[in-house]
Protein backbone atom coordinates (compact mmCIF):
# COMPACT_ATOMS: atom_id res chain seq x y z
CA UNK A 1 21.22 -28.68 -23.69
CA UNK A 2 19.13 -28.85 -26.86
CA UNK A 3 20.77 -25.68 -28.16
CA UNK A 4 24.21 -27.12 -27.45
CA UNK A 5 23.40 -30.31 -29.38
CA UNK A 6 22.14 -28.20 -32.28
CA UNK A 7 25.44 -26.32 -32.56
CA UNK A 8 27.38 -29.60 -32.27
CA UNK A 9 25.47 -31.14 -35.17
CA UNK A 10 25.89 -27.93 -37.17
CA UNK A 11 29.66 -27.90 -36.60
CA UNK A 12 29.95 -31.57 -37.49
CA UNK A 13 28.05 -30.96 -40.70
CA UNK A 14 30.29 -27.98 -41.54
CA UNK A 15 33.40 -30.07 -40.85
CA UNK A 16 32.18 -32.89 -43.04
CA UNK A 17 31.41 -30.48 -45.87
CA UNK A 18 34.84 -28.88 -45.56
CA UNK A 19 36.54 -32.28 -45.69
CA UNK A 20 34.71 -33.23 -48.86
CA UNK A 21 35.68 -29.91 -50.49
CA UNK A 22 39.35 -30.18 -49.54
CA UNK A 23 39.80 -33.93 -50.16
CA UNK A 24 41.22 -33.52 -53.66
CA UNK A 25 43.18 -30.38 -52.88
CA UNK A 26 46.57 -29.90 -51.22
CA UNK A 27 45.63 -29.65 -47.55
CA UNK A 28 48.53 -27.27 -46.82
CA UNK A 29 50.24 -27.14 -43.47
CA UNK A 30 50.66 -25.04 -40.35
CA UNK A 31 54.03 -24.53 -38.64
CA UNK A 32 54.21 -23.28 -35.05
CA UNK A 33 57.68 -22.50 -33.62
CA UNK A 34 57.96 -21.45 -29.94
CA UNK A 35 61.09 -21.42 -27.76
CA UNK A 36 63.10 -23.87 -29.87
CA UNK A 37 60.17 -26.21 -30.31
CA UNK A 38 58.24 -26.55 -33.52
CA UNK A 39 54.92 -28.09 -34.37
CA UNK A 40 53.72 -28.85 -37.89
CA UNK A 41 50.37 -30.19 -39.01
CA UNK A 42 47.85 -29.90 -41.81
CA UNK A 43 45.10 -27.30 -41.76
CA UNK A 44 42.44 -30.02 -41.67
CA UNK A 45 44.01 -31.72 -38.67
CA UNK A 46 44.33 -28.37 -36.84
CA UNK A 47 40.66 -27.55 -37.49
CA UNK A 48 39.67 -31.00 -36.25
CA UNK A 49 41.80 -30.54 -33.10
CA UNK A 50 40.27 -27.10 -32.37
CA UNK A 51 36.81 -28.58 -32.86
CA UNK A 52 37.54 -31.40 -30.43
CA UNK A 53 39.00 -28.97 -27.85
CA UNK A 54 35.94 -26.72 -28.04
CA UNK A 55 33.73 -29.78 -27.75
CA UNK A 56 35.58 -31.07 -24.66
CA UNK A 57 35.63 -27.61 -23.03
CA UNK A 58 31.89 -27.16 -23.48
CA UNK A 59 31.26 -30.68 -22.20
CA UNK A 60 33.29 -29.96 -19.05
CA UNK A 61 31.51 -26.63 -18.57
CA UNK A 62 28.15 -28.38 -18.86
CA UNK A 63 29.21 -30.95 -16.26
CA UNK A 64 30.30 -28.19 -13.86
CA UNK A 65 26.98 -26.36 -14.30
CA UNK A 66 25.02 -29.59 -13.83
CA UNK A 67 26.91 -31.31 -11.01
CA UNK A 68 28.31 -28.10 -9.42
CA UNK A 69 31.34 -29.72 -7.69
CA UNK A 70 32.65 -27.70 -4.73
CA UNK A 71 29.85 -25.17 -5.49
CA UNK A 72 32.06 -23.62 -8.19
CA UNK A 73 29.27 -22.03 -10.17
CA UNK A 74 28.20 -19.97 -7.13
CA UNK A 75 31.47 -18.03 -7.16
CA UNK A 76 31.54 -14.49 -8.55
CA UNK A 77 34.39 -15.32 -11.00
CA UNK A 78 32.54 -18.29 -12.47
CA UNK A 79 29.35 -16.30 -12.97
CA UNK A 80 31.30 -13.43 -14.52
CA UNK A 81 33.24 -15.65 -16.96
CA UNK A 82 30.74 -18.36 -17.86
CA UNK A 83 27.36 -17.30 -16.56
CA UNK A 84 24.57 -16.48 -18.99
CA UNK A 85 22.95 -13.17 -17.97
CA UNK A 86 19.17 -13.29 -18.22
CA UNK A 87 17.61 -9.94 -17.19
CA UNK A 88 14.13 -11.48 -16.83
CA UNK A 89 15.44 -14.18 -14.55
CA UNK A 90 17.49 -11.65 -12.58
CA UNK A 91 14.39 -9.46 -12.18
CA UNK A 92 12.39 -12.44 -10.91
CA UNK A 93 15.15 -13.13 -8.41
CA UNK A 94 14.95 -9.48 -7.37
CA UNK A 95 11.22 -9.86 -6.69
CA UNK A 96 11.89 -12.99 -4.64
CA UNK A 97 14.51 -11.13 -2.59
CA UNK A 98 12.02 -8.29 -2.06
CA UNK A 99 9.41 -10.70 -0.72
CA UNK A 100 12.02 -12.29 1.56
CA UNK A 101 13.09 -8.92 2.95
CA UNK A 102 16.56 -8.70 1.41
CA UNK A 103 16.06 -5.07 0.48
CA UNK A 104 19.58 -4.16 -0.69
CA UNK A 105 20.00 -7.17 -2.99
CA UNK A 106 16.46 -6.81 -4.32
CA UNK A 107 17.01 -3.13 -5.11
CA UNK A 108 20.27 -3.83 -6.97
CA UNK A 109 18.87 -6.69 -9.07
CA UNK A 110 15.69 -4.83 -9.98
CA UNK A 111 17.37 -1.53 -10.90
CA UNK A 112 20.31 -3.11 -12.79
CA UNK A 113 17.96 -5.09 -15.03
CA UNK A 114 15.12 -2.57 -15.37
CA UNK A 115 16.21 -1.23 -18.76
CA UNK A 116 16.69 -4.73 -20.20
CA UNK A 117 13.17 -6.09 -19.67
CA UNK A 118 9.95 -5.43 -21.56
CA UNK A 119 8.27 -3.56 -18.66
CA UNK A 120 10.94 -1.54 -16.85
CA UNK A 121 8.34 0.37 -14.83
CA UNK A 122 7.47 -2.86 -12.96
CA UNK A 123 11.09 -3.24 -11.90
CA UNK A 124 11.28 0.37 -10.78
CA UNK A 125 8.07 0.13 -8.75
CA UNK A 126 9.25 -3.00 -6.94
CA UNK A 127 12.66 -1.42 -6.39
CA UNK A 128 10.96 1.65 -4.90
CA UNK A 129 9.35 -0.57 -2.27
CA UNK A 130 12.73 -2.17 -1.50
CA UNK A 131 14.36 1.26 -1.13
CA UNK A 132 11.49 2.47 1.08
CA UNK A 133 11.85 -0.51 3.39
CA UNK A 134 15.52 0.26 3.99
CA UNK A 135 14.87 3.97 4.52
CA UNK A 136 16.49 5.15 1.29
CA UNK A 137 14.34 8.13 0.31
CA UNK A 138 16.62 9.12 -2.57
CA UNK A 139 16.42 5.56 -3.89
CA UNK A 140 12.63 5.23 -3.89
CA UNK A 141 12.20 8.75 -5.23
CA UNK A 142 14.53 7.94 -8.14
CA UNK A 143 12.68 4.69 -8.85
CA UNK A 144 9.26 6.31 -8.82
CA UNK A 145 10.42 9.12 -11.10
CA UNK A 146 11.88 6.54 -13.51
CA UNK A 147 8.66 4.50 -13.42
CA UNK A 148 6.60 7.63 -14.07
CA UNK A 149 8.75 8.50 -17.11
CA UNK A 150 8.39 4.97 -18.48
CA UNK A 151 4.61 5.03 -17.91
CA UNK A 152 4.18 8.31 -19.77
CA UNK A 153 0.76 9.92 -19.51
CA UNK A 154 -0.72 6.88 -17.73
CA UNK A 155 1.33 7.27 -14.56
CA UNK A 156 -1.61 7.69 -12.17
CA UNK A 157 -0.91 4.42 -10.41
CA UNK A 158 2.70 5.44 -9.82
CA UNK A 159 1.54 8.70 -8.22
CA UNK A 160 -0.86 6.77 -6.01
CA UNK A 161 2.02 4.64 -4.74
CA UNK A 162 4.11 7.77 -4.26
CA UNK A 163 1.34 9.27 -2.10
CA UNK A 164 1.31 6.12 0.03
CA UNK A 165 5.08 6.19 0.54
CA UNK A 166 5.03 9.92 1.29
CA UNK A 167 2.38 9.35 3.96
CA UNK A 168 4.31 6.45 5.48
CA UNK A 169 7.38 8.69 5.54
CA UNK A 170 5.54 11.33 7.57
CA UNK A 171 4.94 13.78 4.72
CA UNK A 172 1.17 13.89 5.24
CA UNK A 173 0.51 17.20 3.51
CA UNK A 174 2.49 16.24 0.42
CA UNK A 175 0.67 12.91 0.24
CA UNK A 176 -2.72 14.60 0.61
CA UNK A 177 -1.91 17.06 -2.18
CA UNK A 178 -0.99 14.19 -4.50
CA UNK A 179 -4.20 12.32 -3.68
CA UNK A 180 -6.41 15.36 -4.18
CA UNK A 181 -4.75 15.96 -7.53
CA UNK A 182 -5.39 12.35 -8.54
CA UNK A 183 -9.02 12.64 -7.40
CA UNK A 184 -9.45 15.52 -9.84
CA UNK A 185 -7.64 13.77 -12.73
CA UNK A 186 -9.05 10.25 -12.32
CA UNK A 187 -12.01 10.57 -9.93
CA UNK A 188 -13.08 7.94 -7.42
CA UNK A 189 -10.38 5.29 -7.85
CA UNK A 190 -10.67 2.77 -4.97
CA UNK A 191 -7.09 2.99 -3.66
CA UNK A 192 -7.09 6.79 -3.90
CA UNK A 193 -10.43 6.94 -2.07
CA UNK A 194 -9.12 4.67 0.68
CA UNK A 195 -6.04 6.82 1.21
CA UNK A 196 -8.10 10.02 1.20
CA UNK A 197 -10.42 8.53 3.81
CA UNK A 198 -7.45 7.73 6.07
CA UNK A 199 -6.10 11.27 5.75
CA UNK A 200 -9.47 12.94 6.38
CA UNK A 201 -10.09 10.79 9.47
CA UNK A 202 -6.63 11.58 10.83
CA UNK A 203 -7.25 15.31 10.29
CA UNK A 204 -10.83 15.19 11.58
CA UNK A 205 -11.99 16.77 8.30
CA UNK A 206 -15.52 15.35 8.39
CA UNK A 207 -16.82 17.72 5.71
CA UNK A 208 -14.29 16.42 3.19
CA UNK A 209 -14.98 12.84 4.27
CA UNK A 210 -18.71 13.40 3.69
CA UNK A 211 -18.00 14.25 0.04
CA UNK A 212 -16.42 10.85 -0.68
CA UNK A 213 -18.65 8.67 1.52
CA UNK A 214 -21.12 7.82 -1.33
CA UNK A 215 -18.29 6.62 -3.57
CA UNK A 216 -16.69 4.68 -0.71
CA UNK A 217 -19.98 2.87 -0.31
CA UNK A 218 -20.71 2.43 -4.03
CA UNK A 219 -17.27 1.00 -4.81
CA UNK A 220 -17.22 -1.12 -1.64
CA UNK A 221 -13.81 0.21 -0.67
CA UNK A 222 -14.36 -0.40 3.06
CA UNK A 223 -15.87 -3.17 5.12
CA UNK A 224 -19.53 -2.48 6.01
CA UNK A 225 -18.74 -2.08 9.72
CA UNK A 226 -15.98 0.47 9.03
CA UNK A 227 -18.18 2.39 6.59
CA UNK A 228 -21.02 2.50 9.12
CA UNK A 229 -18.68 3.83 11.82
CA UNK A 230 -17.47 6.60 9.49
CA UNK A 231 -21.04 7.54 8.59
CA UNK A 232 -21.87 7.84 12.30
CA UNK A 233 -18.88 10.13 12.84
CA UNK A 234 -19.88 12.34 9.90
CA UNK A 235 -23.52 12.66 11.00
CA UNK A 236 -22.41 13.20 14.58
CA UNK A 237 -20.29 16.13 13.42
CA UNK A 238 -23.20 17.52 11.39
CA UNK A 239 -25.59 17.29 14.37
CA UNK A 240 -23.11 19.06 16.63
CA UNK A 241 -22.67 21.81 14.05
CA UNK A 242 -26.44 22.10 13.67
CA UNK A 243 -26.79 22.57 17.43
CA UNK A 244 -25.06 25.92 17.15
CA UNK A 245 -27.61 26.99 14.52
CA UNK A 246 -30.75 26.21 16.52
CA UNK A 247 -33.41 23.56 17.02
CA UNK A 248 -34.75 23.72 13.48
CA UNK A 249 -31.30 22.88 12.07
CA UNK A 250 -30.98 19.93 14.48
CA UNK A 251 -34.32 18.49 13.35
CA UNK A 252 -33.45 19.05 9.70
CA UNK A 253 -30.10 17.29 10.02
CA UNK A 254 -31.66 14.34 11.82
CA UNK A 255 -34.01 13.86 8.87
CA UNK A 256 -30.94 13.58 6.61
CA UNK A 257 -29.61 10.64 8.62
CA UNK A 258 -30.36 7.29 6.89
CA UNK A 259 -33.03 5.24 8.65
CA UNK A 260 -30.56 2.40 9.20
CA UNK A 261 -28.41 4.71 11.34
CA UNK A 262 -31.21 6.22 13.42
CA UNK A 263 -31.07 3.13 15.61
CA UNK A 264 -27.40 3.77 16.41
CA UNK A 265 -27.11 4.46 20.12
CA UNK A 266 -24.22 6.91 19.93
CA UNK A 267 -25.85 8.94 17.16
CA UNK A 268 -29.20 8.96 18.99
CA UNK A 269 -27.43 10.11 22.15
CA UNK A 270 -25.81 13.02 20.29
CA UNK A 271 -29.18 13.93 18.75
CA UNK A 272 -30.86 13.99 22.17
CA UNK A 273 -28.05 16.12 23.60
CA UNK A 274 -28.50 18.66 20.82
CA UNK A 275 -32.27 18.67 21.37
CA UNK A 276 -31.71 19.44 25.05
CA UNK A 277 -29.18 22.18 24.26
CA UNK A 278 -31.69 23.86 21.95
CA UNK A 279 -34.54 23.65 24.48
CA UNK A 280 -36.56 20.86 22.87
CA UNK A 281 -37.08 18.72 25.99
CA UNK A 282 -40.38 17.21 24.86
CA UNK A 283 -38.89 15.93 21.59
CA UNK A 284 -35.84 14.60 23.45
CA UNK A 285 -38.05 12.70 25.93
CA UNK A 286 -40.07 11.19 23.05
CA UNK A 287 -36.92 10.07 21.21
CA UNK A 288 -35.43 8.51 24.35
CA UNK A 289 -38.59 6.64 25.29
CA UNK A 290 -39.14 5.31 21.77
CA UNK A 291 -35.53 4.23 21.42
CA UNK A 292 -35.25 2.37 24.73
CA UNK A 293 -38.45 0.43 24.10
CA UNK A 294 -36.82 -1.22 21.06
CA UNK A 295 -33.04 -0.92 21.50
CA UNK A 296 -30.33 -0.75 24.10
CA UNK A 297 -27.44 1.71 24.26
CA UNK A 298 -25.20 2.86 27.11
CA UNK A 299 -24.88 6.25 25.40
CA UNK A 300 -28.63 6.84 25.38
CA UNK A 301 -29.08 5.59 28.94
CA UNK A 302 -26.29 7.89 30.12
CA UNK A 303 -28.04 10.87 28.54
CA UNK A 304 -31.31 9.88 30.21
CA UNK A 305 -29.60 9.83 33.59
CA UNK A 306 -28.66 13.51 33.16
CA UNK A 307 -31.96 14.52 31.60
CA UNK A 308 -34.73 16.07 33.71
CA UNK A 309 -37.87 15.78 31.62
CA UNK A 310 -40.18 17.07 34.34
CA UNK A 311 -41.60 13.54 34.66
CA UNK A 312 -39.01 11.73 36.81
CA UNK A 313 -41.47 8.99 37.84
CA UNK A 314 -41.98 7.95 34.22
CA UNK A 315 -38.22 8.00 33.67
CA UNK A 316 -37.68 5.79 36.70
CA UNK A 317 -40.32 3.29 35.53
CA UNK A 318 -38.78 3.15 32.06
CA UNK A 319 -35.26 2.54 33.39
CA UNK A 320 -36.37 -0.02 35.98
CA UNK A 321 -38.06 -1.93 33.19
CA UNK A 322 -34.70 -1.97 31.36
CA UNK A 323 -33.06 -3.29 34.55
CA UNK A 324 -34.83 -6.63 34.11
CA UNK A 325 -32.80 -7.33 30.99
CA UNK A 326 -29.57 -5.52 32.01
CA UNK A 327 -29.19 -6.07 35.76
CA UNK A 328 -25.39 -5.65 35.76
CA UNK A 329 -25.12 -2.51 33.63
CA UNK A 330 -23.15 0.07 35.62
CA UNK A 331 -24.34 2.84 33.26
CA UNK A 332 -27.98 1.88 33.85
CA UNK A 333 -27.53 1.61 37.64
CA UNK A 334 -25.86 5.03 37.72
CA UNK A 335 -28.71 6.53 35.66
CA UNK A 336 -31.25 4.92 38.00
CA UNK A 337 -29.47 6.45 40.98
CA UNK A 338 -29.62 9.90 39.42
CA UNK A 339 -33.29 9.59 38.49
CA UNK A 340 -34.06 8.28 41.99
CA UNK A 341 -32.45 11.41 43.45
CA UNK A 342 -34.75 13.54 41.27
CA UNK A 343 -37.67 11.53 42.68
CA UNK A 344 -36.27 12.15 46.22
CA UNK A 345 -36.01 8.40 46.78
CA UNK A 346 -32.81 8.69 48.81
CA UNK A 347 -32.48 5.09 50.00
CA UNK A 348 -33.19 3.70 46.53
CA UNK A 349 -30.70 6.10 44.98
CA UNK A 350 -28.01 5.03 47.47
CA UNK A 351 -28.68 1.35 46.74
CA UNK A 352 -28.36 1.93 43.00
CA UNK A 353 -25.08 3.84 43.41
CA UNK A 354 -23.65 1.07 45.62
CA UNK A 355 -24.64 -1.60 43.07
CA UNK A 356 -23.15 0.49 40.26
CA UNK A 357 -19.79 0.60 42.08
CA UNK A 358 -19.80 -3.18 42.36
CA UNK A 359 -20.70 -3.61 38.68
CA UNK A 360 -17.77 -1.76 37.08
CA UNK A 361 -13.98 -1.75 37.04
CA UNK A 362 -13.79 1.31 34.79
CA UNK A 363 -11.91 4.08 36.63
CA UNK A 364 -13.84 6.94 35.03
CA UNK A 365 -17.19 5.34 35.88
CA UNK A 366 -16.10 4.67 39.46
CA UNK A 367 -15.10 8.33 39.82
CA UNK A 368 -18.54 9.47 38.55
CA UNK A 369 -20.40 7.10 40.88
CA UNK A 370 -18.35 8.18 43.91
CA UNK A 371 -19.04 11.83 43.09
CA UNK A 372 -22.80 11.20 42.84
CA UNK A 373 -22.74 9.20 46.08
CA UNK A 374 -20.82 11.99 47.81
CA UNK A 375 -23.43 14.58 46.79
CA UNK A 376 -26.24 12.32 48.02
CA UNK A 377 -24.55 11.66 51.38
CA UNK A 378 -23.87 15.38 51.83
CA UNK A 379 -27.55 16.09 51.19
CA UNK A 380 -28.44 13.44 53.79
CA UNK A 381 -26.11 15.05 56.34
CA UNK A 382 -23.50 12.27 56.38
CA UNK A 383 -20.62 14.68 55.87
CA UNK A 384 -17.71 12.40 56.85
CA UNK A 385 -18.80 9.64 54.48
CA UNK A 386 -19.48 12.26 51.82
CA UNK A 387 -15.95 13.64 52.19
CA UNK A 388 -14.47 10.14 51.85
CA UNK A 389 -16.41 9.60 48.61
CA UNK A 390 -15.23 12.94 47.23
CA UNK A 391 -11.62 12.04 48.07
CA UNK A 392 -12.01 8.64 46.42
CA UNK A 393 -13.42 10.28 43.29
CA UNK A 394 -10.47 12.68 43.11
CA UNK A 395 -7.98 9.85 43.60
CA UNK A 396 -9.61 7.84 40.81
CA UNK A 397 -9.47 10.80 38.45
CA UNK A 398 -5.79 11.32 39.28
CA UNK A 399 -5.19 7.62 38.65
CA UNK A 400 -6.91 7.89 35.29
């Protein structure tokens, strides 16, 4: 409106100046003859009439834009004839449409106006997301290539987004190649590290994941709980690999585990298993006893139930002490039943197995308990009951 008033004042001033210049001169005339009709006027009067017509037309156009009767300005013809095209405003509308999920309209607005704004790469990147959402691979590929050209040598962020879209499209290997290339060019960028971590976990490539774990921690890319879980998986893999190399390798790898993770039940359980596999029963018994005196873990208790240390009475005492604090633990009751069998305490073992069955709804656990109970009953000569327990165990496994 201010601009319109400025031009009005400017035209009025020009008209006034022209009148003063022509006041003492022959104003001349204009003759218009059409279809037998003629019209004659002075040049000054014609200029004044044209000025008034332009003024009235612009005033009417302003009223239509302001009041919008019958929603005229929303029609395509009105926008084409009288609309003022603003590429920045159109791009902002494209972003709004993207956020609202109108992918086709967003893509069109963003791409059509990309070359008319100061940062075309932003338009292309947003348009790539719109094209991806509607499954247009050619569209998002074109947009990313255009954004990369506009970004020049600093197109690392565009490639990171491309890797993400490739992965979401199912092209895992292509995405991984892009990310590994970025890791070499611009090492340890948070979003690149996060994507690499997801790929390595999906592939089970724990060696590659181990290489980036320090940077994941240093840059705080992941939540502490997620990072801790990944560290456990990496050290678990290392311990299992060390088991194939011998007891010395197992002990060496355990020393590499951070102290904060040595209290992790799953990791301790894996360590004990590897100690047993490499013939280090004494060390395994020491680790188990020390751990259970301070911590609780179903994984460790389960290992202890399978573990014959040569001192079953001490094992039984240790586990029964744990029972005071965990009376409803099916894993503990099952382990107690197994240790009681090793102590030849048949009635106690049967009681523990029966209580374990009542303490769990897990199908796999119920199958294990029924199998243990069947072996005990067979040893006690109760063959019919033993057979029923075996059948129940098989049925549970089939159900699972």
